[in-house]
Amino acid sequence: MVDEDAGRTPDWLVVRRDDALDMPGAVVLAGAAARRRAGLFAALAAALALPAYLGDTWDALADVLRDRLDAGPLTLLITDAGQLLIDEPSDQYGLLLAVLGDLATSAPHPLRVVLDEATPS
């Protein structure tokens, strides 16, 4: 996602292509476990201990993530990010970035998303 005004990636989103994954405090999510939207929601629910009532819509995800960000900052590290939502129509990836971007710019605490696309050695 590129900030059209500045022609650059927004501050809340980092794309990495290296193996330096030392990010203390980051919640790690494997992109390979989130190839489909249902897998993404399940992986986020497990990794962030989201409430059981999390629905399967983008609005429901935004609501529970906003509640999580009410409690404090969050760094989400997605490994093998090239696999993220790969088995879904491409608009689903865009919707995820839109939800995260909205949260990053409006939540009471910072959200940082790191997409790590390092290739295995």
PDB file of N, CA and C in Angstrom:
ATOM      1  N   MET A   1       0.856  -1.161   0.000  1.00  0.00           N
ATOM      2  CA  MET A   1       0.000   0.000   0.000  1.00  0.00           C
ATOM      3  C   MET A   1       0.903   1.224   0.000  1.00  0.00           C
ATOM      4  N   VAL A   2       0.688   2.104  -0.951  1.00  0.00           N
ATOM      5  CA  VAL A   2       1.515   3.295  -1.093  1.00  0.00           C
ATOM      6  C   VAL A   2       0.683   4.515  -0.758  1.00  0.00           C
ATOM      7  N   ASP A   3       1.254   5.418   0.001  1.00  0.00           N
ATOM      8  CA  ASP A   3       0.629   6.685   0.319  1.00  0.00           C
ATOM      9  C   ASP A   3       0.665   7.528  -0.952  1.00  0.00           C
ATOM     10  N   GLU A   4      -0.500   7.750  -1.576  1.00  0.00           N
ATOM     11  CA  GLU A   4      -0.530   8.444  -2.854  1.00  0.00           C
ATOM     12  C   GLU A   4      -0.048   9.879  -2.742  1.00  0.00           C
ATOM     13  N   ASP A   5      -0.247  10.510  -1.578  1.00  0.00           N
ATOM     14  CA  ASP A   5       0.186  11.884  -1.410  1.00  0.00           C
ATOM     15  C   ASP A   5       1.700  12.000  -1.389  1.00  0.00           C
ATOM     16  N   ALA A   6       2.361  11.064  -0.761  1.00  0.00           N
ATOM     17  CA  ALA A   6       3.808  11.149  -0.611  1.00  0.00           C
ATOM     18  C   ALA A   6       4.556  10.204  -1.547  1.00  0.00           C
ATOM     19  N   GLY A   7       3.844   9.281  -2.197  1.00  0.00           N
ATOM     20  CA  GLY A   7       4.498   8.329  -3.084  1.00  0.00           C
ATOM     21  C   GLY A   7       5.361   7.326  -2.353  1.00  0.00           C
ATOM     22  N   ARG A   8       5.003   6.998  -1.121  1.00  0.00           N
ATOM     23  CA  ARG A   8       5.807   6.066  -0.329  1.00  0.00           C
ATOM     24  C   ARG A   8       4.889   5.189   0.510  1.00  0.00           C
ATOM     25  N   THR A   9       5.467   4.159   1.095  1.00  0.00           N
ATOM     26  CA  THR A   9       4.736   3.280   1.993  1.00  0.00           C
ATOM     27  C   THR A   9       4.394   4.052   3.260  1.00  0.00           C
ATOM     28  N   PRO A  10       3.174   3.894   3.789  1.00  0.00           N
ATOM     29  CA  PRO A  10       2.813   4.617   5.018  1.00  0.00           C
ATOM     30  C   PRO A  10       3.691   4.196   6.193  1.00  0.00           C
ATOM     31  N   ASP A  11       3.797   5.066   7.183  1.00  0.00           N
ATOM     32  CA  ASP A  11       4.685   4.831   8.322  1.00  0.00           C
ATOM     33  C   ASP A  11       4.333   3.576   9.112  1.00  0.00           C
ATOM     34  N   TRP A  12       3.083   3.184   9.136  1.00  0.00           N
ATOM     35  CA  TRP A  12       2.655   2.040   9.937  1.00  0.00           C
ATOM     36  C   TRP A  12       3.001   0.708   9.276  1.00  0.00           C
ATOM     37  N   LEU A  13       3.367   0.724   8.006  1.00  0.00           N
ATOM     38  CA  LEU A  13       3.623  -0.499   7.243  1.00  0.00           C
ATOM     39  C   LEU A  13       5.088  -0.577   6.836  1.00  0.00           C
ATOM     40  N   VAL A  14       5.710  -1.726   7.146  1.00  0.00           N
ATOM     41  CA  VAL A  14       7.103  -1.958   6.792  1.00  0.00           C
ATOM     42  C   VAL A  14       7.173  -3.244   5.972  1.00  0.00           C
ATOM     43  N   VAL A  15       7.839  -3.190   4.844  1.00  0.00           N
ATOM     44  CA  VAL A  15       8.063  -4.383   4.025  1.00  0.00           C
ATOM     45  C   VAL A  15       9.545  -4.701   4.102  1.00  0.00           C
ATOM     46  N   ARG A  16       9.832  -5.936   4.534  1.00  0.00           N
ATOM     47  CA  ARG A  16      11.231  -6.361   4.700  1.00  0.00           C
ATOM     48  C   ARG A  16      11.513  -7.547   3.805  1.00  0.00           C
ATOM     49  N   ARG A  17      12.740  -7.613   3.363  1.00  0.00           N
ATOM     50  CA  ARG A  17      13.171  -8.736   2.528  1.00  0.00           C
ATOM     51  C   ARG A  17      14.505  -9.276   3.029  1.00  0.00           C
ATOM     52  N   ASP A  18      14.590  -9.472   4.340  1.00  0.00           N
ATOM     53  CA  ASP A  18      15.834  -9.998   4.908  1.00  0.00           C
ATOM     54  C   ASP A  18      15.496 -10.963   6.035  1.00  0.00           C
ATOM     55  N   ASP A  19      16.517 -11.544   6.601  1.00  0.00           N
ATOM     56  CA  ASP A  19      16.306 -12.526   7.661  1.00  0.00           C
ATOM     57  C   ASP A  19      16.460 -11.943   9.063  1.00  0.00           C
ATOM     58  N   ALA A  20      16.623 -10.656   9.202  1.00  0.00           N
ATOM     59  CA  ALA A  20      16.804 -10.031  10.514  1.00  0.00           C
ATOM     60  C   ALA A  20      15.427  -9.845  11.165  1.00  0.00           C
ATOM     61  N   LEU A  21      14.963 -10.889  11.833  1.00  0.00           N
ATOM     62  CA  LEU A  21      13.619 -10.873  12.396  1.00  0.00           C
ATOM     63  C   LEU A  21      13.597 -10.569  13.889  1.00  0.00           C
ATOM     64  N   ASP A  22      14.615  -9.936  14.406  1.00  0.00           N
ATOM     65  CA  ASP A  22      14.664  -9.617  15.828  1.00  0.00           C
ATOM     66  C   ASP A  22      13.753  -8.418  16.102  1.00  0.00           C
ATOM     67  N   MET A  23      12.533  -8.702  16.473  1.00  0.00           N
ATOM     68  CA  MET A  23      11.547  -7.668  16.760  1.00  0.00           C
ATOM     69  C   MET A  23      10.909  -7.976  18.108  1.00  0.00           C
ATOM     70  N   PRO A  24      11.565  -7.594  19.195  1.00  0.00           N
ATOM     71  CA  PRO A  24      11.034  -7.895  20.526  1.00  0.00           C
ATOM     72  C   PRO A  24       9.619  -7.348  20.695  1.00  0.00           C
ATOM     73  N   GLY A  25       8.762  -8.180  21.252  1.00  0.00           N
ATOM     74  CA  GLY A  25       7.393  -7.768  21.528  1.00  0.00           C
ATOM     75  C   GLY A  25       6.433  -7.903  20.361  1.00  0.00           C
ATOM     76  N   ALA A  26       6.944  -8.224  19.182  1.00  0.00           N
ATOM     77  CA  ALA A  26       6.061  -8.362  18.025  1.00  0.00           C
ATOM     78  C   ALA A  26       5.246  -9.642  18.126  1.00  0.00           C
ATOM     79  N   VAL A  27       4.022  -9.565  17.673  1.00  0.00           N
ATOM     80  CA  VAL A  27       3.176 -10.749  17.547  1.00  0.00           C
ATOM     81  C   VAL A  27       3.446 -11.311  16.157  1.00  0.00           C
ATOM     82  N   VAL A  28       3.861 -12.572  16.110  1.00  0.00           N
ATOM     83  CA  VAL A  28       4.261 -13.184  14.842  1.00  0.00           C
ATOM     84  C   VAL A  28       3.106 -14.010  14.275  1.00  0.00           C
ATOM     85  N   LEU A  29       2.859 -13.796  13.009  1.00  0.00           N
ATOM     86  CA  LEU A  29       1.817 -14.519  12.291  1.00  0.00           C
ATOM     87  C   LEU A  29       2.433 -15.066  11.010  1.00  0.00           C
ATOM     88  N   ALA A  30       2.245 -16.344  10.748  1.00  0.00           N
ATOM     89  CA  ALA A  30       2.782 -16.955   9.526  1.00  0.00           C
ATOM     90  C   ALA A  30       1.813 -16.731   8.370  1.00  0.00           C
ATOM     91  N   GLY A  31       2.306 -16.096   7.330  1.00  0.00           N
ATOM     92  CA  GLY A  31       1.478 -15.872   6.155  1.00  0.00           C
ATOM     93  C   GLY A  31       0.971 -17.165   5.546  1.00  0.00           C
ATOM     94  N   ALA A  32       1.758 -18.237   5.642  1.00  0.00           N
ATOM     95  CA  ALA A  32       1.338 -19.532   5.096  1.00  0.00           C
ATOM     96  C   ALA A  32       0.120 -20.088   5.817  1.00  0.00           C
ATOM     97  N   ALA A  33      -0.098 -19.671   7.054  1.00  0.00           N
ATOM     98  CA  ALA A  33      -1.280 -20.113   7.806  1.00  0.00           C
ATOM     99  C   ALA A  33      -2.490 -19.245   7.490  1.00  0.00           C
ATOM    100  N   ALA A  34      -2.277 -18.203   6.689  1.00  0.00           N
ATOM    101  CA  ALA A  34      -3.345 -17.245   6.403  1.00  0.00           C
ATOM    102  C   ALA A  34      -3.521 -17.064   4.897  1.00  0.00           C
ATOM    103  N   ARG A  35      -3.475 -18.172   4.176  1.00  0.00           N
ATOM    104  CA  ARG A  35      -3.643 -18.115   2.725  1.00  0.00           C
ATOM    105  C   ARG A  35      -5.080 -17.787   2.339  1.00  0.00           C
ATOM    106  N   ARG A  36      -6.013 -18.104   3.226  1.00  0.00           N
ATOM    107  CA  ARG A  36      -7.434 -17.797   3.025  1.00  0.00           C
ATOM    108  C   ARG A  36      -7.877 -16.890   4.158  1.00  0.00           C
ATOM    109  N   ARG A  37      -8.958 -16.164   3.931  1.00  0.00           N
ATOM    110  CA  ARG A  37      -9.449 -15.218   4.932  1.00  0.00           C
ATOM    111  C   ARG A  37      -9.786 -15.914   6.240  1.00  0.00           C
ATOM    112  N   ALA A  38     -10.417 -17.076   6.177  1.00  0.00           N
ATOM    113  CA  ALA A  38     -10.767 -17.808   7.399  1.00  0.00           C
ATOM    114  C   ALA A  38      -9.509 -18.162   8.187  1.00  0.00           C
ATOM    115  N   GLY A  39      -8.445 -18.549   7.491  1.00  0.00           N
ATOM    116  CA  GLY A  39      -7.191 -18.864   8.150  1.00  0.00           C
ATOM    117  C   GLY A  39      -6.563 -17.633   8.782  1.00  0.00           C
ATOM    118  N   LEU A  40      -6.661 -16.491   8.103  1.00  0.00           N
ATOM    119  CA  LEU A  40      -6.142 -15.237   8.657  1.00  0.00           C
ATOM    120  C   LEU A  40      -6.871 -14.884   9.947  1.00  0.00           C
ATOM    121  N   PHE A  41      -8.194 -14.943   9.912  1.00  0.00           N
ATOM    122  CA  PHE A  41      -8.975 -14.601  11.097  1.00  0.00           C
ATOM    123  C   PHE A  41      -8.651 -15.546  12.251  1.00  0.00           C
ATOM    124  N   ALA A  42      -8.533 -16.833  11.958  1.00  0.00           N
ATOM    125  CA  ALA A  42      -8.218 -17.814  13.005  1.00  0.00           C
ATOM    126  C   ALA A  42      -6.817 -17.581  13.569  1.00  0.00           C
ATOM    127  N   ALA A  43      -5.852 -17.303  12.690  1.00  0.00           N
ATOM    128  CA  ALA A  43      -4.482 -17.067  13.144  1.00  0.00           C
ATOM    129  C   ALA A  43      -4.394 -15.797  13.987  1.00  0.00           C
ATOM    130  N   LEU A  44      -5.084 -14.741  13.579  1.00  0.00           N
ATOM    131  CA  LEU A  44      -5.092 -13.511  14.371  1.00  0.00           C
ATOM    132  C   LEU A  44      -5.776 -13.730  15.717  1.00  0.00           C
ATOM    133  N   ALA A  45      -6.891 -14.448  15.704  1.00  0.00           N
ATOM    134  CA  ALA A  45      -7.613 -14.723  16.950  1.00  0.00           C
ATOM    135  C   ALA A  45      -6.727 -15.477  17.930  1.00  0.00           C
ATOM    136  N   ALA A  46      -5.982 -16.455  17.431  1.00  0.00           N
ATOM    137  CA  ALA A  46      -5.103 -17.243  18.296  1.00  0.00           C
ATOM    138  C   ALA A  46      -3.905 -16.425  18.781  1.00  0.00           C
ATOM    139  N   ALA A  47      -3.258 -15.718  17.875  1.00  0.00           N
ATOM    140  CA  ALA A  47      -2.049 -14.978  18.212  1.00  0.00           C
ATOM    141  C   ALA A  47      -2.315 -13.801  19.150  1.00  0.00           C
ATOM    142  N   LEU A  48      -3.483 -13.183  19.007  1.00  0.00           N
ATOM    143  CA  LEU A  48      -3.798 -11.995  19.799  1.00  0.00           C
ATOM    144  C   LEU A  48      -4.810 -12.263  20.906  1.00  0.00           C
ATOM    145  N   ALA A  49      -5.202 -13.526  21.075  1.00  0.00           N
ATOM    146  CA  ALA A  49      -6.222 -13.883  22.077  1.00  0.00           C
ATOM    147  C   ALA A  49      -7.461 -13.013  21.902  1.00  0.00           C
ATOM    148  N   LEU A  50      -7.920 -12.915  20.657  1.00  0.00           N
ATOM    149  CA  LEU A  50      -9.113 -12.118  20.371  1.00  0.00           C
ATOM    150  C   LEU A  50     -10.344 -12.835  20.896  1.00  0.00           C
ATOM    151  N   PRO A  51     -11.409 -12.109  21.176  1.00  0.00           N
ATOM    152  CA  PRO A  51     -12.607 -12.727  21.751  1.00  0.00           C
ATOM    153  C   PRO A  51     -13.250 -13.759  20.826  1.00  0.00           C
ATOM    154  N   ALA A  52     -13.902 -14.725  21.434  1.00  0.00           N
ATOM    155  CA  ALA A  52     -14.540 -15.820  20.690  1.00  0.00           C
ATOM    156  C   ALA A  52     -15.653 -15.319  19.779  1.00  0.00           C
ATOM    157  N   TYR A  53     -16.218 -14.169  20.078  1.00  0.00           N
ATOM    158  CA  TYR A  53     -17.326 -13.659  19.261  1.00  0.00           C
ATOM    159  C   TYR A  53     -16.859 -12.978  17.973  1.00  0.00           C
ATOM    160  N   LEU A  54     -15.550 -13.022  17.695  1.00  0.00           N
ATOM    161  CA  LEU A  54     -15.050 -12.448  16.450  1.00  0.00           C
ATOM    162  C   LEU A  54     -15.808 -13.068  15.283  1.00  0.00           C
ATOM    163  N   GLY A  55     -16.415 -12.235  14.486  1.00  0.00           N
ATOM    164  CA  GLY A  55     -17.140 -12.721  13.311  1.00  0.00           C
ATOM    165  C   GLY A  55     -16.183 -12.963  12.155  1.00  0.00           C
ATOM    166  N   ASP A  56     -16.745 -13.164  10.982  1.00  0.00           N
ATOM    167  CA  ASP A  56     -15.905 -13.448   9.828  1.00  0.00           C
ATOM    168  C   ASP A  56     -15.968 -12.339   8.784  1.00  0.00           C
ATOM    169  N   THR A  57     -16.208 -11.106   9.263  1.00  0.00           N
ATOM    170  CA  THR A  57     -16.246  -9.967   8.347  1.00  0.00           C
ATOM    171  C   THR A  57     -15.103  -9.015   8.666  1.00  0.00           C
ATOM    172  N   TRP A  58     -14.753  -8.182   7.705  1.00  0.00           N
ATOM    173  CA  TRP A  58     -13.694  -7.201   7.911  1.00  0.00           C
ATOM    174  C   TRP A  58     -14.095  -6.203   8.994  1.00  0.00           C
ATOM    175  N   ASP A  59     -15.382  -5.834   9.048  1.00  0.00           N
ATOM    176  CA  ASP A  59     -15.839  -4.912  10.086  1.00  0.00           C
ATOM    177  C   ASP A  59     -15.672  -5.520  11.475  1.00  0.00           C
ATOM    178  N   ALA A  60     -15.985  -6.802  11.614  1.00  0.00           N
ATOM    179  CA  ALA A  60     -15.822  -7.476  12.908  1.00  0.00           C
ATOM    180  C   ALA A  60     -14.350  -7.522  13.301  1.00  0.00           C
ATOM    181  N   LEU A  61     -13.479  -7.798  12.346  1.00  0.00           N
ATOM    182  CA  LEU A  61     -12.051  -7.819  12.640  1.00  0.00           C
ATOM    183  C   LEU A  61     -11.585  -6.430  13.070  1.00  0.00           C
ATOM    184  N   ALA A  62     -12.030  -5.402  12.364  1.00  0.00           N
ATOM    185  CA  ALA A  62     -11.656  -4.031  12.726  1.00  0.00           C
ATOM    186  C   ALA A  62     -12.094  -3.706  14.149  1.00  0.00           C
ATOM    187  N   ASP A  63     -13.294  -4.130  14.517  1.00  0.00           N
ATOM    188  CA  ASP A  63     -13.813  -3.853  15.868  1.00  0.00           C
ATOM    189  C   ASP A  63     -12.946  -4.499  16.953  1.00  0.00           C
ATOM    190  N   VAL A  64     -12.618  -5.771  16.790  1.00  0.00           N
ATOM    191  CA  VAL A  64     -11.841  -6.437  17.844  1.00  0.00           C
ATOM    192  C   VAL A  64     -10.386  -5.952  17.862  1.00  0.00           C
ATOM    193  N   LEU A  65      -9.846  -5.611  16.700  1.00  0.00           N
ATOM    194  CA  LEU A  65      -8.492  -5.069  16.692  1.00  0.00           C
ATOM    195  C   LEU A  65      -8.464  -3.671  17.314  1.00  0.00           C
ATOM    196  N   ARG A  66      -9.509  -2.888  17.094  1.00  0.00           N
ATOM    197  CA  ARG A  66      -9.582  -1.568  17.734  1.00  0.00           C
ATOM    198  C   ARG A  66      -9.629  -1.739  19.255  1.00  0.00           C
ATOM    199  N   ASP A  67     -10.423  -2.711  19.726  1.00  0.00           N
ATOM    200  CA  ASP A  67     -10.469  -2.989  21.162  1.00  0.00           C
ATOM    201  C   ASP A  67      -9.079  -3.376  21.670  1.00  0.00           C
ATOM    202  N   ARG A  68      -8.360  -4.178  20.894  1.00  0.00           N
ATOM    203  CA  ARG A  68      -6.997  -4.580  21.287  1.00  0.00           C
ATOM    204  C   ARG A  68      -6.077  -3.368  21.346  1.00  0.00           C
ATOM    205  N   LEU A  69      -6.228  -2.453  20.391  1.00  0.00           N
ATOM    206  CA  LEU A  69      -5.386  -1.258  20.359  1.00  0.00           C
ATOM    207  C   LEU A  69      -5.781  -0.237  21.425  1.00  0.00           C
ATOM    208  N   ASP A  70      -6.950  -0.375  22.010  1.00  0.00           N
ATOM    209  CA  ASP A  70      -7.314   0.453  23.161  1.00  0.00           C
ATOM    210  C   ASP A  70      -6.409   0.124  24.346  1.00  0.00           C
ATOM    211  N   ALA A  71      -5.912  -1.112  24.400  1.00  0.00           N
ATOM    212  CA  ALA A  71      -5.101  -1.581  25.527  1.00  0.00           C
ATOM    213  C   ALA A  71      -3.626  -1.191  25.401  1.00  0.00           C
ATOM    214  N   GLY A  72      -3.152  -0.915  24.215  1.00  0.00           N
ATOM    215  CA  GLY A  72      -1.747  -0.569  24.037  1.00  0.00           C
ATOM    216  C   GLY A  72      -1.295  -0.778  22.610  1.00  0.00           C
ATOM    217  N   PRO A  73      -0.057  -0.414  22.308  1.00  0.00           N
ATOM    218  CA  PRO A  73       0.467  -0.542  20.945  1.00  0.00           C
ATOM    219  C   PRO A  73       0.607  -2.008  20.526  1.00  0.00           C
ATOM    220  N   LEU A  74       0.649  -2.211  19.223  1.00  0.00           N
ATOM    221  CA  LEU A  74       0.756  -3.559  18.674  1.00  0.00           C
ATOM    222  C   LEU A  74       1.665  -3.530  17.465  1.00  0.00           C
ATOM    223  N   THR A  75       2.622  -4.449  17.449  1.00  0.00           N
ATOM    224  CA  THR A  75       3.429  -4.703  16.256  1.00  0.00           C
ATOM    225  C   THR A  75       3.091  -6.107  15.788  1.00  0.00           C
ATOM    226  N   LEU A  76       2.667  -6.209  14.560  1.00  0.00           N
ATOM    227  CA  LEU A  76       2.303  -7.486  13.960  1.00  0.00           C
ATOM    228  C   LEU A  76       3.338  -7.809  12.887  1.00  0.00           C
ATOM    229  N   LEU A  77       4.068  -8.899  13.078  1.00  0.00           N
ATOM    230  CA  LEU A  77       5.085  -9.354  12.131  1.00  0.00           C
ATOM    231  C   LEU A  77       4.518 -10.536  11.368  1.00  0.00           C
ATOM    232  N   ILE A  78       4.367 -10.367  10.073  1.00  0.00           N
ATOM    233  CA  ILE A  78       3.836 -11.448   9.234  1.00  0.00           C
ATOM    234  C   ILE A  78       4.997 -12.028   8.442  1.00  0.00           C
ATOM    235  N   THR A  79       5.366 -13.261   8.800  1.00  0.00           N
ATOM    236  CA  THR A  79       6.444 -13.947   8.086  1.00  0.00           C
ATOM    237  C   THR A  79       5.886 -14.548   6.799  1.00  0.00           C
ATOM    238  N   ASP A  80       6.753 -14.906   5.890  1.00  0.00           N
ATOM    239  CA  ASP A  80       6.357 -15.407   4.573  1.00  0.00           C
ATOM    240  C   ASP A  80       5.113 -14.673   4.064  1.00  0.00           C
ATOM    241  N   ALA A  81       5.217 -13.340   4.092  1.00  0.00           N
ATOM    242  CA  ALA A  81       4.083 -12.470   3.781  1.00  0.00           C
ATOM    243  C   ALA A  81       3.558 -12.637   2.356  1.00  0.00           C
ATOM    244  N   GLY A  82       4.378 -13.163   1.472  1.00  0.00           N
ATOM    245  CA  GLY A  82       3.918 -13.405   0.108  1.00  0.00           C
ATOM    246  C   GLY A  82       2.808 -14.440   0.029  1.00  0.00           C
ATOM    247  N   GLN A  83       2.632 -15.217   1.091  1.00  0.00           N
ATOM    248  CA  GLN A  83       1.581 -16.230   1.134  1.00  0.00           C
ATOM    249  C   GLN A  83       0.259 -15.680   1.676  1.00  0.00           C
ATOM    250  N   LEU A  84       0.310 -14.501   2.287  1.00  0.00           N
ATOM    251  CA  LEU A  84      -0.854 -13.908   2.938  1.00  0.00           C
ATOM    252  C   LEU A  84      -2.000 -13.703   1.946  1.00  0.00           C
ATOM    253  N   LEU A  85      -3.112 -14.370   2.195  1.00  0.00           N
ATOM    254  CA  LEU A  85      -4.347 -14.282   1.396  1.00  0.00           C
ATOM    255  C   LEU A  85      -4.143 -14.625  -0.074  1.00  0.00           C
ATOM    256  N   ILE A  86      -3.147 -15.425  -0.369  1.00  0.00           N
ATOM    257  CA  ILE A  86      -2.823 -15.773  -1.757  1.00  0.00           C
ATOM    258  C   ILE A  86      -3.922 -16.608  -2.428  1.00  0.00           C
ATOM    259  N   ASP A  87      -4.703 -17.338  -1.638  1.00  0.00           N
ATOM    260  CA  ASP A  87      -5.770 -18.174  -2.195  1.00  0.00           C
ATOM    261  C   ASP A  87      -7.117 -17.458  -2.231  1.00  0.00           C
ATOM    262  N   GLU A  88      -7.108 -16.157  -2.061  1.00  0.00           N
ATOM    263  CA  GLU A  88      -8.320 -15.333  -2.094  1.00  0.00           C
ATOM    264  C   GLU A  88      -8.251 -14.395  -3.295  1.00  0.00           C
ATOM    265  N   PRO A  89      -9.394 -13.853  -3.706  1.00  0.00           N
ATOM    266  CA  PRO A  89      -9.340 -12.807  -4.733  1.00  0.00           C
ATOM    267  C   PRO A  89      -8.474 -11.639  -4.232  1.00  0.00           C
ATOM    268  N   SER A  90      -7.784 -10.961  -5.135  1.00  0.00           N
ATOM    269  CA  SER A  90      -6.826  -9.925  -4.744  1.00  0.00           C
ATOM    270  C   SER A  90      -7.451  -8.782  -3.954  1.00  0.00           C
ATOM    271  N   ASP A  91      -8.745  -8.543  -4.111  1.00  0.00           N
ATOM    272  CA  ASP A  91      -9.371  -7.459  -3.358  1.00  0.00           C
ATOM    273  C   ASP A  91      -9.366  -7.730  -1.851  1.00  0.00           C
ATOM    274  N   GLN A  92      -9.267  -8.994  -1.448  1.00  0.00           N
ATOM    275  CA  GLN A  92      -9.246  -9.316  -0.021  1.00  0.00           C
ATOM    276  C   GLN A  92      -7.971  -8.797   0.644  1.00  0.00           C
ATOM    277  N   TYR A  93      -6.853  -8.876  -0.048  1.00  0.00           N
ATOM    278  CA  TYR A  93      -5.594  -8.335   0.462  1.00  0.00           C
ATOM    279  C   TYR A  93      -5.713  -6.815   0.616  1.00  0.00           C
ATOM    280  N   GLY A  94      -6.309  -6.191  -0.378  1.00  0.00           N
ATOM    281  CA  GLY A  94      -6.530  -4.748  -0.314  1.00  0.00           C
ATOM    282  C   GLY A  94      -7.437  -4.358   0.835  1.00  0.00           C
ATOM    283  N   LEU A  95      -8.465  -5.162   1.089  1.00  0.00           N
ATOM    284  CA  LEU A  95      -9.361  -4.885   2.209  1.00  0.00           C
ATOM    285  C   LEU A  95      -8.637  -5.026   3.543  1.00  0.00           C
ATOM    286  N   LEU A  96      -7.785  -6.038   3.654  1.00  0.00           N
ATOM    287  CA  LEU A  96      -7.000  -6.189   4.881  1.00  0.00           C
ATOM    288  C   LEU A  96      -6.136  -4.956   5.119  1.00  0.00           C
ATOM    289  N   LEU A  97      -5.431  -4.501   4.082  1.00  0.00           N
ATOM    290  CA  LEU A  97      -4.585  -3.320   4.231  1.00  0.00           C
ATOM    291  C   LEU A  97      -5.407  -2.081   4.554  1.00  0.00           C
ATOM    292  N   ALA A  98      -6.601  -1.980   3.990  1.00  0.00           N
ATOM    293  CA  ALA A  98      -7.474  -0.840   4.300  1.00  0.00           C
ATOM    294  C   ALA A  98      -7.903  -0.860   5.764  1.00  0.00           C
ATOM    295  N   VAL A  99      -8.267  -2.027   6.276  1.00  0.00           N
ATOM    296  CA  VAL A  99      -8.656  -2.157   7.687  1.00  0.00           C
ATOM    297  C   VAL A  99      -7.480  -1.790   8.583  1.00  0.00           C
ATOM    298  N   LEU A 100      -6.312  -2.346   8.299  1.00  0.00           N
ATOM    299  CA  LEU A 100      -5.134  -2.068   9.118  1.00  0.00           C
ATOM    300  C   LEU A 100      -4.728  -0.599   9.019  1.00  0.00           C
ATOM    301  N   GLY A 101      -4.805  -0.030   7.839  1.00  0.00           N
ATOM    302  CA  GLY A 101      -4.465   1.375   7.660  1.00  0.00           C
ATOM    303  C   GLY A 101      -5.397   2.295   8.417  1.00  0.00           C
ATOM    304  N   ASP A 102      -6.681   1.990   8.392  1.00  0.00           N
ATOM    305  CA  ASP A 102      -7.648   2.792   9.140  1.00  0.00           C
ATOM    306  C   ASP A 102      -7.352   2.726  10.635  1.00  0.00           C
ATOM    307  N   LEU A 103      -7.079   1.517  11.119  1.00  0.00           N
ATOM    308  CA  LEU A 103      -6.750   1.356  12.536  1.00  0.00           C
ATOM    309  C   LEU A 103      -5.461   2.094  12.893  1.00  0.00           C
ATOM    310  N   ALA A 104      -4.470   1.996  12.036  1.00  0.00           N
ATOM    311  CA  ALA A 104      -3.176   2.621  12.309  1.00  0.00           C
ATOM    312  C   ALA A 104      -3.283   4.140  12.396  1.00  0.00           C
ATOM    313  N   THR A 105      -4.223   4.706  11.675  1.00  0.00           N
ATOM    314  CA  THR A 105      -4.348   6.168  11.664  1.00  0.00           C
ATOM    315  C   THR A 105      -5.409   6.692  12.619  1.00  0.00           C
ATOM    316  N   SER A 106      -6.192   5.796  13.240  1.00  0.00           N
ATOM    317  CA  SER A 106      -7.268   6.297  14.095  1.00  0.00           C
ATOM    318  C   SER A 106      -7.327   5.668  15.486  1.00  0.00           C
ATOM    319  N   ALA A 107      -6.599   4.599  15.717  1.00  0.00           N
ATOM    320  CA  ALA A 107      -6.648   3.926  17.021  1.00  0.00           C
ATOM    321  C   ALA A 107      -5.890   4.746  18.062  1.00  0.00           C
ATOM    322  N   PRO A 108      -6.230   4.542  19.336  1.00  0.00           N
ATOM    323  CA  PRO A 108      -5.572   5.325  20.393  1.00  0.00           C
ATOM    324  C   PRO A 108      -4.096   4.973  20.616  1.00  0.00           C
ATOM    325  N   HIS A 109      -3.688   3.774  20.240  1.00  0.00           N
ATOM    326  CA  HIS A 109      -2.296   3.361  20.371  1.00  0.00           C
ATOM    327  C   HIS A 109      -1.776   2.927  19.005  1.00  0.00           C
ATOM    328  N   PRO A 110      -0.467   3.016  18.801  1.00  0.00           N
ATOM    329  CA  PRO A 110       0.110   2.709  17.492  1.00  0.00           C
ATOM    330  C   PRO A 110      -0.042   1.250  17.062  1.00  0.00           C
ATOM    331  N   LEU A 111      -0.266   1.086  15.775  1.00  0.00           N
ATOM    332  CA  LEU A 111      -0.245  -0.216  15.124  1.00  0.00           C
ATOM    333  C   LEU A 111       0.874  -0.166  14.097  1.00  0.00           C
ATOM    334  N   ARG A 112       1.708  -1.181  14.124  1.00  0.00           N
ATOM    335  CA  ARG A 112       2.783  -1.319  13.140  1.00  0.00           C
ATOM    336  C   ARG A 112       2.665  -2.707  12.536  1.00  0.00           C
ATOM    337  N   VAL A 113       2.696  -2.787  11.237  1.00  0.00           N
ATOM    338  CA  VAL A 113       2.603  -4.063  10.535  1.00  0.00           C
ATOM    339  C   VAL A 113       3.888  -4.236   9.735  1.00  0.00           C
ATOM    340  N   VAL A 114       4.557  -5.364   9.959  1.00  0.00           N
ATOM    341  CA  VAL A 114       5.791  -5.683   9.257  1.00  0.00           C
ATOM    342  C   VAL A 114       5.528  -6.902   8.379  1.00  0.00           C
ATOM    343  N   LEU A 115       5.641  -6.720   7.088  1.00  0.00           N
ATOM    344  CA  LEU A 115       5.490  -7.823   6.131  1.00  0.00           C
ATOM    345  C   LEU A 115       6.893  -8.290   5.775  1.00  0.00           C
ATOM    346  N   ASP A 116       7.237  -9.492   6.205  1.00  0.00           N
ATOM    347  CA  ASP A 116       8.572 -10.021   5.931  1.00  0.00           C
ATOM    348  C   ASP A 116       8.476 -10.991   4.759  1.00  0.00           C
ATOM    349  N   GLU A 117       9.164 -10.668   3.700  1.00  0.00           N
ATOM    350  CA  GLU A 117       9.143 -11.471   2.484  1.00  0.00           C
ATOM    351  C   GLU A 117      10.486 -12.143   2.228  1.00  0.00           C
ATOM    352  N   ALA A 118      11.219 -12.400   3.278  1.00  0.00           N
ATOM    353  CA  ALA A 118      12.524 -13.053   3.124  1.00  0.00           C
ATOM    354  C   ALA A 118      12.359 -14.407   2.472  1.00  0.00           C
ATOM    355  N   THR A 119      13.267 -14.734   1.600  1.00  0.00           N
ATOM    356  CA  THR A 119      13.253 -16.050   0.975  1.00  0.00           C
ATOM    357  C   THR A 119      14.092 -16.991   1.816  1.00  0.00           C
ATOM    358  N   PRO A 120      13.635 -18.232   1.992  1.00  0.00           N
ATOM    359  CA  PRO A 120      14.414 -19.187   2.782  1.00  0.00           C
ATOM    360  C   PRO A 120      15.781 -19.415   2.165  1.00  0.00           C
ATOM    361  N   SER A 121      16.794 -19.585   3.022  1.00  0.00           N
ATOM    362  CA  SER A 121      18.149 -19.830   2.493  1.00  0.00           C
ATOM    363  C   SER A 121      18.451 -21.293   2.421  1.00  0.00           C
TER     364      SER A 121
END
